[in-house]
């Protein structure tokens, strides 16, 4: 019998900025909001646009963003849960 996956949304703080995260109990990994991470790493005034343009460039180079990203529901600024691009931290025994 397959156990039910538990996902827990949580806010993490990095460099005093919020990063939306989701814990997946099946894979035992944290997934991080790509847009929140882009905002921190680039200081872009429009991180959603930055990520959108970057995804387009990746596709033109033959890299499919779905290989490096997934989509999960994250809480938006208005409090609603919306599907957003997320990535997991690769560095463990995977």
Protein backbone atom coordinates (compact mmCIF):
# COMPACT_ATOMS: atom_id res chain seq x y z
CA UNK A 1 0.00 0.00 0.00
CA UNK A 2 1.39 3.39 -1.04
CA UNK A 3 1.63 5.97 1.70
CA UNK A 4 0.08 9.36 1.11
CA UNK A 5 2.58 12.06 0.27
CA UNK A 6 2.65 14.92 2.72
CA UNK A 7 3.49 18.35 1.40
CA UNK A 8 4.10 21.17 3.81
CA UNK A 9 4.37 24.76 2.58
CA UNK A 10 6.74 26.93 4.53
CA UNK A 11 8.59 30.22 4.22
CA UNK A 12 12.38 30.13 4.52
CA UNK A 13 14.53 33.23 4.99
CA UNK A 14 17.69 33.75 2.95
CA UNK A 15 19.63 37.03 3.03
CA UNK A 16 16.63 38.54 4.85
CA UNK A 17 14.30 37.69 1.94
CA UNK A 18 11.45 35.18 1.90
CA UNK A 19 11.63 32.02 -0.18
CA UNK A 20 8.50 29.88 -0.53
CA UNK A 21 9.25 26.21 -0.03
CA UNK A 22 7.42 22.88 0.00
CA UNK A 23 8.52 19.73 1.84
CA UNK A 24 7.75 16.49 -0.02
CA UNK A 25 7.69 13.56 2.38
CA UNK A 26 7.89 10.97 -0.42
CA UNK A 27 11.17 12.25 -1.83
CA UNK A 28 12.24 13.75 1.51
CA UNK A 29 13.29 16.96 -0.21
CA UNK A 30 12.58 20.64 0.02
CA UNK A 31 11.41 22.35 -3.17
CA UNK A 32 12.14 26.07 -3.53
CA UNK A 33 10.29 28.71 -5.52
CA UNK A 34 12.34 29.50 -8.62
CA UNK A 35 11.03 33.07 -8.86
CA UNK A 36 11.86 33.79 -5.20
CA UNK A 37 15.37 32.37 -5.73
CA UNK A 38 15.86 34.41 -8.93
CA UNK A 39 14.85 37.54 -7.04
CA UNK A 40 17.48 36.90 -4.35
CA UNK A 41 20.28 35.94 -6.72
CA UNK A 42 19.74 38.68 -9.31
CA UNK A 43 18.13 41.56 -7.38
CA UNK A 44 15.89 41.85 -10.43
CA UNK A 45 13.04 44.36 -10.10
CA UNK A 46 10.81 41.86 -11.99
CA UNK A 47 11.89 38.30 -11.10
CA UNK A 48 8.82 36.73 -12.79
CA UNK A 49 9.77 38.36 -16.09
CA UNK A 50 13.45 37.46 -15.58
CA UNK A 51 12.54 33.77 -15.11
CA UNK A 52 10.17 33.85 -18.10
CA UNK A 53 12.89 35.25 -20.40
CA UNK A 54 15.45 32.80 -19.01
CA UNK A 55 13.10 29.84 -19.66
CA UNK A 56 12.65 31.03 -23.26
CA UNK A 57 16.43 31.27 -23.71
CA UNK A 58 16.92 27.80 -22.23
CA UNK A 59 14.38 26.35 -24.66
CA UNK A 60 16.16 28.01 -27.60
CA UNK A 61 19.40 26.38 -26.41
CA UNK A 62 17.69 22.98 -26.33
CA UNK A 63 17.33 22.75 -22.56
CA UNK A 64 13.81 21.91 -21.40
CA UNK A 65 13.10 23.73 -18.10
CA UNK A 66 10.90 20.84 -16.96
CA UNK A 67 14.10 18.78 -16.63
CA UNK A 68 15.38 21.08 -13.91
CA UNK A 69 12.05 22.33 -12.51
CA UNK A 70 8.70 21.01 -11.39
CA UNK A 71 5.47 22.80 -10.60
CA UNK A 72 3.79 22.74 -7.22
CA UNK A 73 1.17 24.85 -5.51
CA UNK A 74 2.63 27.74 -3.52
CA UNK A 75 0.83 30.48 -1.66
CA UNK A 76 0.69 33.70 -3.68
CA UNK A 77 0.74 37.23 -2.27
CA UNK A 78 -3.07 37.27 -2.33
CA UNK A 79 -3.18 34.12 -0.17
CA UNK A 80 -4.38 31.81 -2.95
CA UNK A 81 -2.55 28.59 -3.82
CA UNK A 82 -1.21 28.70 -7.38
CA UNK A 83 0.98 26.41 -9.47
CA UNK A 84 4.55 27.78 -9.58
CA UNK A 85 7.91 26.56 -10.82
CA UNK A 86 10.01 24.96 -8.10
CA UNK A 87 13.41 23.29 -7.97
CA UNK A 88 14.91 20.99 -5.37
CA UNK A 89 18.30 21.31 -3.75
CA UNK A 90 20.57 18.78 -5.42
CA UNK A 91 23.50 17.91 -3.27
CA UNK A 92 22.53 14.97 -1.11
CA UNK A 93 22.69 11.23 -1.72
CA UNK A 94 20.29 11.24 -4.63
